[in-house]
Amino acid sequence: MSALIGDVLLAITVLLIVAPFVYTVIASLRPAADITADPLGLPTRITLDNFANAFAKMNYAQGVLSSTVVLLGSLLLTILLGALAAYPLARITRRWTTWTYRLFIAGSTVPIFVLIAPLYLLLRDLGLLNSYQGLILTYAAINLPVAIFFYTSFFRQIPLELEEAAALDGAGAVRTFFVVLFPLLRPITATLATFLTITVWNDLVVPLVFVQNPALKTVMVNAYSLVGSYSLDPSLLFPAALLGVTPLLVVFVILQRQVVAGLTMGAVKS
């Protein structure tokens, strides 16, 4: 009986997750007149004109390029700084390291909406508004506490004997980190990169506030630009949303084995 209840709950959960996506796909393939006449109906005629219109109006190629540049820069900076900061926090057992770690963890609980105004003023004073650098630094700062949390927990599981052996071979702290320890971080790095990729690519708030130059706007901002102040055209918005997440889905489909292997590697204790 319990197994049946679990299956029913699982089916309901899957339906609630999949149904909005299925509806978005169906609505994207329906003519605008059909959606207006029967918003929840099945398509009587399939058309790809909605995707063509959304592709042209949202400046799709430029948006994908901007999102890719920001994503790669944010990933590299967050992973590198997070690992470098987590190493001493995990190895130095003093009161100040404990409180520093707790401060970083507390920083991960602060909503981005609280930080928007001071971040805007800071980037304005630094001349980083309307720039890739400003977006990359902002995402790195926002996600750094999460990266430090991930890496600190992982570093604490690595035996000290590895570092002692490297020291006997004459390796300093920097060489030990990059040559011995950093390659061991691949499992947790895969997990962190997956989380950051979804977070940064789908984010709307940061690029919407900090970037006004059309040539630098991300794909999600371009998709949001199709929402009017007093009107909403589902035949444009739905295909724009699908086009926005398509590069992400393609990457995960191509690299699904590597992503799953990285996510599960750390769960197996050798």
Protein backbone atom coordinates (compact mmCIF):
# COMPACT_ATOMS: atom_id res chain seq x y z
CA MET A 1 0.00 0.00 0.00
CA SER A 2 2.79 2.38 0.89
CA ALA A 3 4.50 1.63 -2.42
CA LEU A 4 1.29 2.50 -4.29
CA ILE A 5 0.94 5.78 -2.41
CA GLY A 6 4.57 6.59 -3.20
CA ASP A 7 4.03 5.87 -6.90
CA VAL A 8 0.93 8.06 -6.99
CA LEU A 9 2.72 10.95 -5.27
CA LEU A 10 5.67 10.55 -7.63
CA ALA A 11 3.36 10.59 -10.66
CA ILE A 12 1.61 13.72 -9.40
CA THR A 13 4.94 15.44 -8.78
CA VAL A 14 6.23 14.56 -12.25
CA LEU A 15 2.98 15.76 -13.80
CA LEU A 16 3.19 19.09 -11.99
CA ILE A 17 6.76 19.55 -13.21
CA VAL A 18 6.27 18.37 -16.79
CA ALA A 19 2.82 19.84 -17.50
CA PRO A 20 3.93 23.51 -17.71
CA PHE A 21 6.76 22.61 -20.07
CA VAL A 22 4.45 20.52 -22.29
CA TYR A 23 1.91 23.33 -22.37
CA THR A 24 4.62 25.82 -23.33
CA VAL A 25 5.74 23.62 -26.22
CA ILE A 26 2.17 23.09 -27.44
CA ALA A 27 1.29 26.78 -27.17
CA SER A 28 4.46 27.72 -29.04
CA LEU A 29 3.34 25.63 -32.01
CA ARG A 30 -0.19 27.07 -32.16
CA PRO A 31 -1.19 30.16 -34.15
CA ALA A 32 -1.96 33.22 -32.06
CA ALA A 33 -5.62 33.16 -33.05
CA ASP A 34 -6.00 29.58 -31.80
CA ILE A 35 -4.44 30.44 -28.42
CA THR A 36 -6.79 33.41 -28.06
CA ALA A 37 -9.85 31.35 -28.95
CA ASP A 38 -8.98 28.37 -26.75
CA PRO A 39 -5.94 28.92 -24.47
CA LEU A 40 -5.95 25.37 -23.05
CA GLY A 41 -6.95 23.55 -26.22
CA LEU A 42 -4.93 21.24 -28.41
CA PRO A 43 -3.42 22.62 -31.62
CA THR A 44 -5.60 22.38 -34.72
CA ARG A 45 -2.71 23.56 -36.87
CA ILE A 46 1.02 23.49 -36.16
CA THR A 47 3.20 26.43 -37.16
CA LEU A 48 6.84 27.38 -36.67
CA ASP A 49 6.21 31.04 -37.42
CA ASN A 50 6.11 31.81 -33.69
CA PHE A 51 9.69 30.61 -33.27
CA ALA A 52 10.85 32.56 -36.33
CA ASN A 53 9.24 35.75 -35.04
CA ALA A 54 10.63 35.30 -31.53
CA PHE A 55 14.09 34.49 -32.91
CA ALA A 56 14.16 37.75 -34.87
CA LYS A 57 12.60 40.02 -32.26
CA MET A 58 14.68 38.84 -29.29
CA ASN A 59 18.04 39.21 -31.12
CA TYR A 60 18.72 35.59 -30.30
CA ALA A 61 22.29 35.10 -31.51
CA GLN A 62 23.54 38.15 -29.62
CA GLY A 63 21.71 37.09 -26.46
CA VAL A 64 23.19 33.59 -26.51
CA LEU A 65 26.67 35.02 -27.05
CA SER A 66 26.31 37.41 -24.12
CA SER A 67 24.92 34.69 -21.84
CA THR A 68 27.78 32.35 -22.81
CA VAL A 69 30.48 34.95 -22.13
CA VAL A 70 28.99 35.86 -18.76
CA LEU A 71 28.45 32.23 -17.80
CA LEU A 72 31.98 31.07 -18.65
CA GLY A 73 33.59 34.04 -16.95
CA SER A 74 31.46 33.58 -13.83
CA LEU A 75 32.20 29.85 -13.68
CA LEU A 76 35.97 30.28 -13.96
CA LEU A 77 36.17 33.09 -11.42
CA THR A 78 33.79 31.51 -8.89
CA ILE A 79 35.43 28.07 -9.07
CA LEU A 80 38.97 29.43 -8.77
CA LEU A 81 38.30 31.92 -5.97
CA GLY A 82 36.00 29.51 -4.15
CA ALA A 83 38.58 26.72 -4.13
CA LEU A 84 41.41 29.07 -3.12
CA ALA A 85 39.37 30.52 -0.25
CA ALA A 86 38.07 27.15 0.94
CA TYR A 87 41.53 25.55 1.18
CA PRO A 88 42.84 27.59 4.16
CA LEU A 89 39.38 27.67 5.76
CA ALA A 90 39.35 23.87 5.77
CA ARG A 91 42.95 23.37 6.86
CA ILE A 92 43.58 26.15 9.39
CA THR A 93 41.76 25.27 12.60
CA ARG A 94 41.57 28.61 14.38
CA ARG A 95 38.74 30.73 15.70
CA TRP A 96 39.04 33.37 12.99
CA THR A 97 38.74 30.78 10.20
CA THR A 98 35.60 29.38 11.80
CA TRP A 99 34.00 32.79 12.00
CA THR A 100 35.12 33.66 8.47
CA TYR A 101 33.51 30.47 7.19
CA ARG A 102 30.30 31.26 9.07
CA LEU A 103 30.33 34.76 7.59
CA PHE A 104 30.51 33.34 4.09
CA ILE A 105 27.67 30.92 4.83
CA ALA A 106 25.57 33.80 6.19
CA GLY A 107 26.28 35.68 2.96
CA SER A 108 24.62 32.94 0.93
CA THR A 109 21.32 33.61 2.71
CA VAL A 110 21.09 37.28 1.67
CA PRO A 111 18.53 37.75 -1.14
CA ILE A 112 19.81 39.38 -4.31
CA PHE A 113 17.05 42.00 -4.12
CA VAL A 114 18.62 43.37 -0.93
CA LEU A 115 21.96 43.82 -2.70
CA ILE A 116 20.73 45.35 -5.95
CA ALA A 117 20.93 49.00 -4.90
CA PRO A 118 24.40 48.93 -3.27
CA LEU A 119 25.75 46.76 -6.08
CA TYR A 120 24.41 49.19 -8.67
CA LEU A 121 26.08 52.14 -6.96
CA LEU A 122 29.33 50.21 -6.58
CA LEU A 123 29.45 49.16 -10.23
CA ARG A 124 28.55 52.69 -11.30
CA ASP A 125 31.42 54.17 -9.28
CA LEU A 126 33.81 51.56 -10.68
CA GLY A 127 32.66 52.19 -14.25
CA LEU A 128 31.50 48.59 -14.68
CA LEU A 129 27.87 49.15 -15.61
CA ASN A 130 26.97 47.98 -19.12
CA SER A 131 29.91 45.59 -19.25
CA TYR A 132 30.59 41.88 -19.19
CA GLN A 133 33.12 42.45 -16.42
CA GLY A 134 30.48 43.94 -14.15
CA LEU A 135 28.11 41.00 -14.66
CA ILE A 136 30.87 38.42 -14.18
CA LEU A 137 32.15 40.03 -10.98
CA THR A 138 28.61 40.35 -9.63
CA TYR A 139 27.76 36.70 -10.26
CA ALA A 140 31.09 35.60 -8.80
CA ALA A 141 30.49 37.64 -5.64
CA ILE A 142 26.92 36.37 -5.27
CA ASN A 143 27.83 32.70 -5.77
CA LEU A 144 31.18 32.70 -3.94
CA PRO A 145 29.65 31.73 -0.55
CA VAL A 146 28.03 28.68 -2.14
CA ALA A 147 31.33 27.68 -3.78
CA ILE A 148 33.20 28.08 -0.49
CA PHE A 149 30.61 25.92 1.28
CA PHE A 150 30.95 23.19 -1.37
CA TYR A 151 34.74 23.18 -1.44
CA THR A 152 35.34 23.54 2.31
CA SER A 153 33.25 20.46 3.03
CA PHE A 154 35.12 18.53 0.34
CA PHE A 155 38.58 19.65 1.44
CA ARG A 156 37.88 18.39 4.96
CA GLN A 157 37.42 14.89 3.55
CA ILE A 158 40.82 14.86 1.80
CA PRO A 159 43.47 13.20 3.99
CA LEU A 160 46.33 15.38 5.18
CA GLU A 161 48.80 12.67 4.18
CA LEU A 162 48.57 13.80 0.56
CA GLU A 163 49.81 17.28 1.45
CA GLU A 164 52.49 15.89 3.75
CA ALA A 165 53.77 13.66 0.95
CA ALA A 166 53.84 16.62 -1.43
CA ALA A 167 55.76 18.67 1.16
CA LEU A 168 58.34 15.89 1.49
CA ASP A 169 58.82 16.09 -2.28
CA GLY A 170 59.56 19.80 -1.96
CA ALA A 171 56.21 21.17 -3.14
CA GLY A 172 55.05 24.44 -1.64
CA ALA A 173 51.49 25.32 -0.69
CA VAL A 174 50.60 26.78 -4.10
CA ARG A 175 52.01 23.84 -6.04
CA THR A 176 50.38 21.36 -3.68
CA PHE A 177 47.03 23.04 -4.20
CA PHE A 178 47.10 23.17 -7.99
CA VAL A 179 48.96 19.91 -8.71
CA VAL A 180 47.76 17.59 -5.95
CA LEU A 181 44.49 18.90 -4.50
CA PHE A 182 42.74 20.77 -7.29
CA PRO A 183 42.47 17.72 -9.58
CA LEU A 184 40.71 15.89 -6.73
CA LEU A 185 37.98 18.54 -6.77
CA ARG A 186 36.52 17.38 -10.07
CA PRO A 187 33.42 15.69 -8.57
CA ILE A 188 32.40 18.66 -6.45
CA THR A 189 33.38 21.07 -9.24
CA ALA A 190 31.00 19.27 -11.60
CA THR A 191 28.21 19.62 -9.04
CA LEU A 192 28.99 23.29 -8.44
CA ALA A 193 29.31 24.05 -12.17
CA THR A 194 25.93 22.46 -12.85
CA PHE A 195 24.30 24.54 -10.13
CA LEU A 196 25.98 27.76 -11.26
CA THR A 197 25.17 27.16 -14.93
CA ILE A 198 21.47 26.86 -14.24
CA THR A 199 21.52 29.83 -11.86
CA VAL A 200 23.49 32.25 -14.03
CA TRP A 201 21.94 31.33 -17.39
CA ASN A 202 18.35 31.63 -16.17
CA ASP A 203 18.88 34.73 -14.05
CA LEU A 204 16.96 37.83 -15.10
CA VAL A 205 17.42 40.34 -12.28
CA VAL A 206 21.16 41.10 -12.49
CA PRO A 207 21.51 41.67 -16.27
CA LEU A 208 18.16 43.47 -16.39
CA VAL A 209 19.31 46.05 -13.81
CA PHE A 210 23.01 46.38 -14.62
CA VAL A 211 22.96 46.29 -18.44
CA GLN A 212 21.13 48.73 -20.69
CA ASN A 213 23.28 48.30 -23.79
CA PRO A 214 21.31 46.10 -26.24
CA ALA A 215 24.54 44.56 -27.53
CA LEU A 216 25.33 43.12 -24.09
CA LYS A 217 21.92 41.89 -22.94
CA THR A 218 21.60 38.20 -22.14
CA VAL A 219 19.18 35.86 -23.85
CA MET A 220 16.76 35.82 -20.91
CA VAL A 221 16.61 39.62 -20.82
CA ASN A 222 15.90 39.65 -24.55
CA ALA A 223 13.12 37.13 -24.01
CA TYR A 224 11.66 39.25 -21.21
CA SER A 225 11.72 42.30 -23.47
CA LEU A 226 8.87 40.72 -25.45
CA VAL A 227 6.58 41.25 -22.44
CA GLY A 228 4.72 44.52 -22.96
CA SER A 229 3.67 46.92 -20.23
CA TYR A 230 -0.03 46.35 -20.87
CA SER A 231 -0.10 43.33 -23.16
CA LEU A 232 1.29 39.83 -23.39
CA ASP A 233 1.56 37.83 -26.60
CA PRO A 234 1.86 34.11 -25.74
CA SER A 235 2.71 33.27 -29.34
CA LEU A 236 5.95 35.25 -28.82
CA LEU A 237 6.68 34.75 -25.13
CA PHE A 238 6.40 30.94 -25.07
CA PRO A 239 8.73 30.29 -28.02
CA ALA A 240 11.12 32.95 -26.69
CA ALA A 241 11.29 31.13 -23.35
CA LEU A 242 11.96 27.82 -25.10
CA LEU A 243 14.64 29.38 -27.28
CA GLY A 244 16.23 30.85 -24.16
CA VAL A 245 16.69 27.50 -22.44
CA THR A 246 17.47 25.50 -25.60
CA PRO A 247 21.28 26.04 -25.49
CA LEU A 248 21.28 24.89 -21.87
CA LEU A 249 19.29 21.77 -22.71
CA VAL A 250 21.55 20.98 -25.67
CA VAL A 251 24.68 21.22 -23.53
CA PHE A 252 23.24 18.98 -20.82
CA VAL A 253 22.07 16.41 -23.38
CA ILE A 254 25.50 16.28 -25.04
CA LEU A 255 27.39 16.20 -21.73
CA GLN A 256 24.86 14.24 -19.70
CA ARG A 257 27.21 11.31 -19.06
CA GLN A 258 30.00 13.60 -17.87
CA VAL A 259 27.60 15.64 -15.72
CA VAL A 260 26.03 12.56 -14.11
CA ALA A 261 29.47 10.98 -13.59
CA GLY A 262 30.72 14.14 -11.90
CA LEU A 263 27.64 14.41 -9.72
CA THR A 264 27.84 10.80 -8.55
CA MET A 265 31.62 10.38 -8.33
CA GLY A 266 31.78 11.99 -4.92
CA ALA A 267 28.99 9.80 -3.59
CA VAL A 268 31.04 6.61 -3.99
CA LYS A 269 33.60 6.10 -1.25
CA SER A 270 36.66 4.24 -2.40
